[in-house]
Amino acid sequence: MIEKSTAKNKAAKSLLKTNTKKFNAAVEGGDLEAAQGAYKTAVKTVDRAATKSLIHKNKAARRKSLMTRKLNAMESK
């Protein structure tokens, strides 16, 4: 039973990291449309991880805030 929940948590954390990296890569690449799309999926993933207690709610808020600041800086250029 615990192996099953461990596998689910590991997969969810991996998805969280992957989506965050995709967003950061889009920002680094300077592609605004790709960054906006990656932002939506990354924020959803962060919210889902916080809801399932994979990460703390304050950590989720901090990550979303950082991504929002990066996206806004990119849009203002």
PDB file of N, CA and C in Angstrom:
ATOM      1  N   MET A   1       0.826  -1.200   0.000  1.00  0.00           N
ATOM      2  CA  MET A   1       0.000   0.000   0.000  1.00  0.00           C
ATOM      3  C   MET A   1       0.862   1.252   0.000  1.00  0.00           C
ATOM      4  N   ILE A   2       1.862   1.281   0.876  1.00  0.00           N
ATOM      5  CA  ILE A   2       2.700   2.479   0.955  1.00  0.00           C
ATOM      6  C   ILE A   2       3.536   2.648  -0.316  1.00  0.00           C
ATOM      7  N   GLU A   3       3.887   1.530  -0.955  1.00  0.00           N
ATOM      8  CA  GLU A   3       4.654   1.614  -2.199  1.00  0.00           C
ATOM      9  C   GLU A   3       3.844   2.310  -3.287  1.00  0.00           C
ATOM     10  N   LYS A   4       2.542   2.054  -3.281  1.00  0.00           N
ATOM     11  CA  LYS A   4       1.658   2.652  -4.280  1.00  0.00           C
ATOM     12  C   LYS A   4       1.580   4.170  -4.093  1.00  0.00           C
ATOM     13  N   SER A   5       1.411   4.623  -2.858  1.00  0.00           N
ATOM     14  CA  SER A   5       1.322   6.060  -2.601  1.00  0.00           C
ATOM     15  C   SER A   5       2.673   6.740  -2.823  1.00  0.00           C
ATOM     16  N   THR A   6       3.759   6.039  -2.506  1.00  0.00           N
ATOM     17  CA  THR A   6       5.089   6.583  -2.749  1.00  0.00           C
ATOM     18  C   THR A   6       5.324   6.790  -4.239  1.00  0.00           C
ATOM     19  N   ALA A   7       4.889   5.837  -5.037  1.00  0.00           N
ATOM     20  CA  ALA A   7       5.047   5.946  -6.488  1.00  0.00           C
ATOM     21  C   ALA A   7       4.223   7.106  -7.042  1.00  0.00           C
ATOM     22  N   LYS A   8       3.003   7.273  -6.541  1.00  0.00           N
ATOM     23  CA  LYS A   8       2.158   8.386  -6.992  1.00  0.00           C
ATOM     24  C   LYS A   8       2.788   9.724  -6.636  1.00  0.00           C
ATOM     25  N   ASN A   9       3.282   9.839  -5.392  1.00  0.00           N
ATOM     26  CA  ASN A   9       3.909  11.085  -4.953  1.00  0.00           C
ATOM     27  C   ASN A   9       5.162  11.392  -5.762  1.00  0.00           C
ATOM     28  N   LYS A  10       5.939  10.366  -6.053  1.00  0.00           N
ATOM     29  CA  LYS A  10       7.162  10.550  -6.827  1.00  0.00           C
ATOM     30  C   LYS A  10       6.837  11.024  -8.236  1.00  0.00           C
ATOM     31  N   ALA A  11       5.811  10.448  -8.833  1.00  0.00           N
ATOM     32  CA  ALA A  11       5.406  10.847 -10.180  1.00  0.00           C
ATOM     33  C   ALA A  11       4.888  12.285 -10.191  1.00  0.00           C
ATOM     34  N   ALA A  12       4.123  12.652  -9.173  1.00  0.00           N
ATOM     35  CA  ALA A  12       3.579  14.008  -9.098  1.00  0.00           C
ATOM     36  C   ALA A  12       4.692  15.035  -8.895  1.00  0.00           C
ATOM     37  N   LYS A  13       5.678  14.715  -8.073  1.00  0.00           N
ATOM     38  CA  LYS A  13       6.799  15.629  -7.861  1.00  0.00           C
ATOM     39  C   LYS A  13       7.643  15.756  -9.114  1.00  0.00           C
ATOM     40  N   SER A  14       7.795  14.651  -9.825  1.00  0.00           N
ATOM     41  CA  SER A  14       8.546  14.679 -11.070  1.00  0.00           C
ATOM     42  C   SER A  14       7.853  15.572 -12.099  1.00  0.00           C
ATOM     43  N   LEU A  15       6.537  15.464 -12.189  1.00  0.00           N
ATOM     44  CA  LEU A  15       5.769  16.306 -13.101  1.00  0.00           C
ATOM     45  C   LEU A  15       5.898  17.775 -12.711  1.00  0.00           C
ATOM     46  N   LEU A  16       5.879  18.039 -11.426  1.00  0.00           N
ATOM     47  CA  LEU A  16       6.040  19.410 -10.923  1.00  0.00           C
ATOM     48  C   LEU A  16       7.378  19.989 -11.380  1.00  0.00           C
ATOM     49  N   LYS A  17       8.440  19.226 -11.203  1.00  0.00           N
ATOM     50  CA  LYS A  17       9.767  19.686 -11.601  1.00  0.00           C
ATOM     51  C   LYS A  17       9.859  19.868 -13.118  1.00  0.00           C
ATOM     52  N   THR A  18       9.284  18.936 -13.859  1.00  0.00           N
ATOM     53  CA  THR A  18       9.328  19.004 -15.317  1.00  0.00           C
ATOM     54  C   THR A  18       8.622  20.245 -15.834  1.00  0.00           C
ATOM     55  N   ASN A  19       7.429  20.514 -15.327  1.00  0.00           N
ATOM     56  CA  ASN A  19       6.674  21.681 -15.789  1.00  0.00           C
ATOM     57  C   ASN A  19       7.359  22.985 -15.396  1.00  0.00           C
ATOM     58  N   THR A  20       7.978  23.013 -14.236  1.00  0.00           N
ATOM     59  CA  THR A  20       8.709  24.200 -13.812  1.00  0.00           C
ATOM     60  C   THR A  20       9.912  24.431 -14.721  1.00  0.00           C
ATOM     61  N   LYS A  21      10.615  23.363 -15.064  1.00  0.00           N
ATOM     62  CA  LYS A  21      11.775  23.479 -15.947  1.00  0.00           C
ATOM     63  C   LYS A  21      11.363  23.926 -17.344  1.00  0.00           C
ATOM     64  N   LYS A  22      10.220  23.436 -17.830  1.00  0.00           N
ATOM     65  CA  LYS A  22       9.733  23.854 -19.146  1.00  0.00           C
ATOM     66  C   LYS A  22       9.434  25.350 -19.158  1.00  0.00           C
ATOM     67  N   PHE A  23       8.832  25.844 -18.075  1.00  0.00           N
ATOM     68  CA  PHE A  23       8.547  27.271 -17.982  1.00  0.00           C
ATOM     69  C   PHE A  23       9.843  28.075 -17.972  1.00  0.00           C
ATOM     70  N   ASN A  24      10.790  27.657 -17.143  1.00  0.00           N
ATOM     71  CA  ASN A  24      12.060  28.382 -17.050  1.00  0.00           C
ATOM     72  C   ASN A  24      12.813  28.357 -18.382  1.00  0.00           C
ATOM     73  N   ALA A  25      12.746  27.251 -19.096  1.00  0.00           N
ATOM     74  CA  ALA A  25      13.409  27.163 -20.400  1.00  0.00           C
ATOM     75  C   ALA A  25      12.767  28.111 -21.402  1.00  0.00           C
ATOM     76  N   ALA A  26      11.444  28.228 -21.364  1.00  0.00           N
ATOM     77  CA  ALA A  26      10.744  29.136 -22.272  1.00  0.00           C
ATOM     78  C   ALA A  26      11.095  30.587 -21.962  1.00  0.00           C
ATOM     79  N   VAL A  27      11.227  30.910 -20.682  1.00  0.00           N
ATOM     80  CA  VAL A  27      11.601  32.273 -20.284  1.00  0.00           C
ATOM     81  C   VAL A  27      13.034  32.563 -20.728  1.00  0.00           C
ATOM     82  N   GLU A  28      13.933  31.613 -20.507  1.00  0.00           N
ATOM     83  CA  GLU A  28      15.327  31.798 -20.900  1.00  0.00           C
ATOM     84  C   GLU A  28      15.452  31.941 -22.419  1.00  0.00           C
ATOM     85  N   GLY A  29      14.618  31.195 -23.149  1.00  0.00           N
ATOM     86  CA  GLY A  29      14.649  31.248 -24.603  1.00  0.00           C
ATOM     87  C   GLY A  29      14.037  32.519 -25.166  1.00  0.00           C
ATOM     88  N   GLY A  30      13.270  33.232 -24.360  1.00  0.00           N
ATOM     89  CA  GLY A  30      12.666  34.478 -24.808  1.00  0.00           C
ATOM     90  C   GLY A  30      11.395  34.298 -25.618  1.00  0.00           C
ATOM     91  N   ASP A  31      10.814  33.106 -25.601  1.00  0.00           N
ATOM     92  CA  ASP A  31       9.587  32.828 -26.352  1.00  0.00           C
ATOM     93  C   ASP A  31       8.376  33.124 -25.464  1.00  0.00           C
ATOM     94  N   LEU A  32       7.716  34.245 -25.719  1.00  0.00           N
ATOM     95  CA  LEU A  32       6.614  34.698 -24.862  1.00  0.00           C
ATOM     96  C   LEU A  32       5.423  33.757 -24.909  1.00  0.00           C
ATOM     97  N   GLU A  33       5.022  33.332 -26.106  1.00  0.00           N
ATOM     98  CA  GLU A  33       3.854  32.447 -26.218  1.00  0.00           C
ATOM     99  C   GLU A  33       4.092  31.114 -25.519  1.00  0.00           C
ATOM    100  N   ALA A  34       5.268  30.549 -25.707  1.00  0.00           N
ATOM    101  CA  ALA A  34       5.596  29.280 -25.050  1.00  0.00           C
ATOM    102  C   ALA A  34       5.648  29.461 -23.536  1.00  0.00           C
ATOM    103  N   ALA A  35       6.162  30.601 -23.099  1.00  0.00           N
ATOM    104  CA  ALA A  35       6.248  30.869 -21.662  1.00  0.00           C
ATOM    105  C   ALA A  35       4.859  31.008 -21.059  1.00  0.00           C
ATOM    106  N   GLN A  36       3.945  31.657 -21.777  1.00  0.00           N
ATOM    107  CA  GLN A  36       2.581  31.814 -21.261  1.00  0.00           C
ATOM    108  C   GLN A  36       1.881  30.464 -21.149  1.00  0.00           C
ATOM    109  N   GLY A  37       2.049  29.617 -22.140  1.00  0.00           N
ATOM    110  CA  GLY A  37       1.451  28.279 -22.085  1.00  0.00           C
ATOM    111  C   GLY A  37       2.053  27.437 -20.984  1.00  0.00           C
ATOM    112  N   ALA A  38       3.375  27.487 -20.859  1.00  0.00           N
ATOM    113  CA  ALA A  38       4.065  26.721 -19.819  1.00  0.00           C
ATOM    114  C   ALA A  38       3.704  27.253 -18.440  1.00  0.00           C
ATOM    115  N   TYR A  39       3.468  28.567 -18.340  1.00  0.00           N
ATOM    116  CA  TYR A  39       3.088  29.179 -17.070  1.00  0.00           C
ATOM    117  C   TYR A  39       1.763  28.599 -16.579  1.00  0.00           C
ATOM    118  N   LYS A  40       0.791  28.504 -17.481  1.00  0.00           N
ATOM    119  CA  LYS A  40      -0.528  27.971 -17.086  1.00  0.00           C
ATOM    120  C   LYS A  40      -0.414  26.551 -16.547  1.00  0.00           C
ATOM    121  N   THR A  41       0.318  25.701 -17.261  1.00  0.00           N
ATOM    122  CA  THR A  41       0.435  24.313 -16.804  1.00  0.00           C
ATOM    123  C   THR A  41       1.260  24.215 -15.532  1.00  0.00           C
ATOM    124  N   ALA A  42       2.298  25.025 -15.412  1.00  0.00           N
ATOM    125  CA  ALA A  42       3.140  24.966 -14.216  1.00  0.00           C
ATOM    126  C   ALA A  42       2.375  25.422 -12.983  1.00  0.00           C
ATOM    127  N   VAL A  43       1.572  26.478 -13.113  1.00  0.00           N
ATOM    128  CA  VAL A  43       0.797  26.962 -11.968  1.00  0.00           C
ATOM    129  C   VAL A  43      -0.242  25.925 -11.549  1.00  0.00           C
ATOM    130  N   LYS A  44      -0.880  25.283 -12.519  1.00  0.00           N
ATOM    131  CA  LYS A  44      -1.848  24.225 -12.192  1.00  0.00           C
ATOM    132  C   LYS A  44      -1.159  23.092 -11.436  1.00  0.00           C
ATOM    133  N   THR A  45       0.029  22.726 -11.900  1.00  0.00           N
ATOM    134  CA  THR A  45       0.756  21.634 -11.261  1.00  0.00           C
ATOM    135  C   THR A  45       1.175  22.001  -9.842  1.00  0.00           C
ATOM    136  N   VAL A  46       1.611  23.238  -9.647  1.00  0.00           N
ATOM    137  CA  VAL A  46       2.006  23.689  -8.308  1.00  0.00           C
ATOM    138  C   VAL A  46       0.796  23.679  -7.380  1.00  0.00           C
ATOM    139  N   ASP A  47      -0.348  24.169  -7.870  1.00  0.00           N
ATOM    140  CA  ASP A  47      -1.565  24.161  -7.054  1.00  0.00           C
ATOM    141  C   ASP A  47      -1.980  22.742  -6.680  1.00  0.00           C
ATOM    142  N   ARG A  48      -1.893  21.849  -7.638  1.00  0.00           N
ATOM    143  CA  ARG A  48      -2.276  20.458  -7.386  1.00  0.00           C
ATOM    144  C   ARG A  48      -1.346  19.830  -6.352  1.00  0.00           C
ATOM    145  N   ALA A  49      -0.050  20.121  -6.444  1.00  0.00           N
ATOM    146  CA  ALA A  49       0.917  19.572  -5.484  1.00  0.00           C
ATOM    147  C   ALA A  49       0.651  20.114  -4.082  1.00  0.00           C
ATOM    148  N   ALA A  50       0.277  21.386  -3.983  1.00  0.00           N
ATOM    149  CA  ALA A  50      -0.019  21.965  -2.674  1.00  0.00           C
ATOM    150  C   ALA A  50      -1.299  21.372  -2.100  1.00  0.00           C
ATOM    151  N   THR A  51      -2.278  21.141  -2.946  1.00  0.00           N
ATOM    152  CA  THR A  51      -3.542  20.552  -2.500  1.00  0.00           C
ATOM    153  C   THR A  51      -3.328  19.141  -1.952  1.00  0.00           C
ATOM    154  N   LYS A  52      -2.419  18.399  -2.594  1.00  0.00           N
ATOM    155  CA  LYS A  52      -2.152  17.033  -2.171  1.00  0.00           C
ATOM    156  C   LYS A  52      -1.069  16.956  -1.092  1.00  0.00           C
ATOM    157  N   SER A  53      -0.659  18.108  -0.577  1.00  0.00           N
ATOM    158  CA  SER A  53       0.361  18.201   0.473  1.00  0.00           C
ATOM    159  C   SER A  53       1.716  17.625   0.054  1.00  0.00           C
ATOM    160  N   LEU A  54       2.025  17.708  -1.229  1.00  0.00           N
ATOM    161  CA  LEU A  54       3.354  17.310  -1.681  1.00  0.00           C
ATOM    162  C   LEU A  54       4.359  18.415  -1.380  1.00  0.00           C
ATOM    163  N   ILE A  55       3.889  19.658  -1.465  1.00  0.00           N
ATOM    164  CA  ILE A  55       4.688  20.802  -1.052  1.00  0.00           C
ATOM    165  C   ILE A  55       3.811  21.671  -0.149  1.00  0.00           C
ATOM    166  N   HIS A  56       4.445  22.475   0.680  1.00  0.00           N
ATOM    167  CA  HIS A  56       3.702  23.339   1.594  1.00  0.00           C
ATOM    168  C   HIS A  56       3.009  24.443   0.817  1.00  0.00           C
ATOM    169  N   LYS A  57       1.884  24.910   1.321  1.00  0.00           N
ATOM    170  CA  LYS A  57       1.102  25.924   0.608  1.00  0.00           C
ATOM    171  C   LYS A  57       1.877  27.224   0.437  1.00  0.00           C
ATOM    172  N   ASN A  58       2.730  27.568   1.416  1.00  0.00           N
ATOM    173  CA  ASN A  58       3.531  28.781   1.281  1.00  0.00           C
ATOM    174  C   ASN A  58       4.619  28.620   0.221  1.00  0.00           C
ATOM    175  N   LYS A  59       5.155  27.430   0.106  1.00  0.00           N
ATOM    176  CA  LYS A  59       6.148  27.159  -0.935  1.00  0.00           C
ATOM    177  C   LYS A  59       5.492  27.254  -2.302  1.00  0.00           C
ATOM    178  N   ALA A  60       4.277  26.765  -2.400  1.00  0.00           N
ATOM    179  CA  ALA A  60       3.537  26.849  -3.659  1.00  0.00           C
ATOM    180  C   ALA A  60       3.285  28.309  -4.022  1.00  0.00           C
ATOM    181  N   ALA A  61       2.890  29.113  -3.053  1.00  0.00           N
ATOM    182  CA  ALA A  61       2.638  30.533  -3.299  1.00  0.00           C
ATOM    183  C   ALA A  61       3.919  31.237  -3.726  1.00  0.00           C
ATOM    184  N   ARG A  62       5.020  30.877  -3.105  1.00  0.00           N
ATOM    185  CA  ARG A  62       6.307  31.486  -3.442  1.00  0.00           C
ATOM    186  C   ARG A  62       6.726  31.138  -4.864  1.00  0.00           C
ATOM    187  N   ARG A  63       6.545  29.880  -5.244  1.00  0.00           N
ATOM    188  CA  ARG A  63       6.895  29.450  -6.607  1.00  0.00           C
ATOM    189  C   ARG A  63       6.027  30.138  -7.651  1.00  0.00           C
ATOM    190  N   LYS A  64       4.736  30.226  -7.381  1.00  0.00           N
ATOM    191  CA  LYS A  64       3.830  30.894  -8.322  1.00  0.00           C
ATOM    192  C   LYS A  64       4.177  32.364  -8.447  1.00  0.00           C
ATOM    193  N   SER A  65       4.506  32.990  -7.340  1.00  0.00           N
ATOM    194  CA  SER A  65       4.874  34.401  -7.360  1.00  0.00           C
ATOM    195  C   SER A  65       6.136  34.623  -8.191  1.00  0.00           C
ATOM    196  N   LEU A  66       7.114  33.761  -8.032  1.00  0.00           N
ATOM    197  CA  LEU A  66       8.354  33.870  -8.785  1.00  0.00           C
ATOM    198  C   LEU A  66       8.098  33.708 -10.284  1.00  0.00           C
ATOM    199  N   MET A  67       7.277  32.726 -10.631  1.00  0.00           N
ATOM    200  CA  MET A  67       6.962  32.508 -12.046  1.00  0.00           C
ATOM    201  C   MET A  67       6.190  33.694 -12.620  1.00  0.00           C
ATOM    202  N   THR A  68       5.274  34.252 -11.835  1.00  0.00           N
ATOM    203  CA  THR A  68       4.498  35.404 -12.289  1.00  0.00           C
ATOM    204  C   THR A  68       5.399  36.605 -12.524  1.00  0.00           C
ATOM    205  N   ARG A  69       6.352  36.825 -11.610  1.00  0.00           N
ATOM    206  CA  ARG A  69       7.282  37.940 -11.769  1.00  0.00           C
ATOM    207  C   ARG A  69       8.134  37.764 -13.025  1.00  0.00           C
ATOM    208  N   LYS A  70       8.590  36.549 -13.285  1.00  0.00           N
ATOM    209  CA  LYS A  70       9.386  36.290 -14.490  1.00  0.00           C
ATOM    210  C   LYS A  70       8.576  36.548 -15.749  1.00  0.00           C
ATOM    211  N   LEU A  71       7.326  36.081 -15.748  1.00  0.00           N
ATOM    212  CA  LEU A  71       6.463  36.263 -16.915  1.00  0.00           C
ATOM    213  C   LEU A  71       6.146  37.740 -17.129  1.00  0.00           C
ATOM    214  N   ASN A  72       5.833  38.463 -16.061  1.00  0.00           N
ATOM    215  CA  ASN A  72       5.528  39.886 -16.189  1.00  0.00           C
ATOM    216  C   ASN A  72       6.719  40.684 -16.680  1.00  0.00           C
ATOM    217  N   ALA A  73       7.919  40.323 -16.219  1.00  0.00           N
ATOM    218  CA  ALA A  73       9.134  41.000 -16.683  1.00  0.00           C
ATOM    219  C   ALA A  73       9.343  40.749 -18.161  1.00  0.00           C
ATOM    220  N   MET A  74       9.032  39.536 -18.585  1.00  0.00           N
ATOM    221  CA  MET A  74       9.186  39.177 -19.991  1.00  0.00           C
ATOM    222  C   MET A  74       8.180  39.930 -20.862  1.00  0.00           C
ATOM    223  N   GLU A  75       6.959  40.082 -20.373  1.00  0.00           N
ATOM    224  CA  GLU A  75       5.911  40.777 -21.137  1.00  0.00           C
ATOM    225  C   GLU A  75       6.193  42.264 -21.234  1.00  0.00           C
ATOM    226  N   SER A  76       6.839  42.842 -20.235  1.00  0.00           N
ATOM    227  CA  SER A  76       7.075  44.293 -20.234  1.00  0.00           C
ATOM    228  C   SER A  76       8.216  44.703 -21.157  1.00  0.00           C
ATOM    229  N   LYS A  77       9.017  43.724 -21.588  1.00  0.00           N
ATOM    230  CA  LYS A  77      10.141  44.036 -22.484  1.00  0.00           C
ATOM    231  C   LYS A  77       9.661  44.342 -23.876  1.00  0.00           C
TER     232      LYS A  77
END
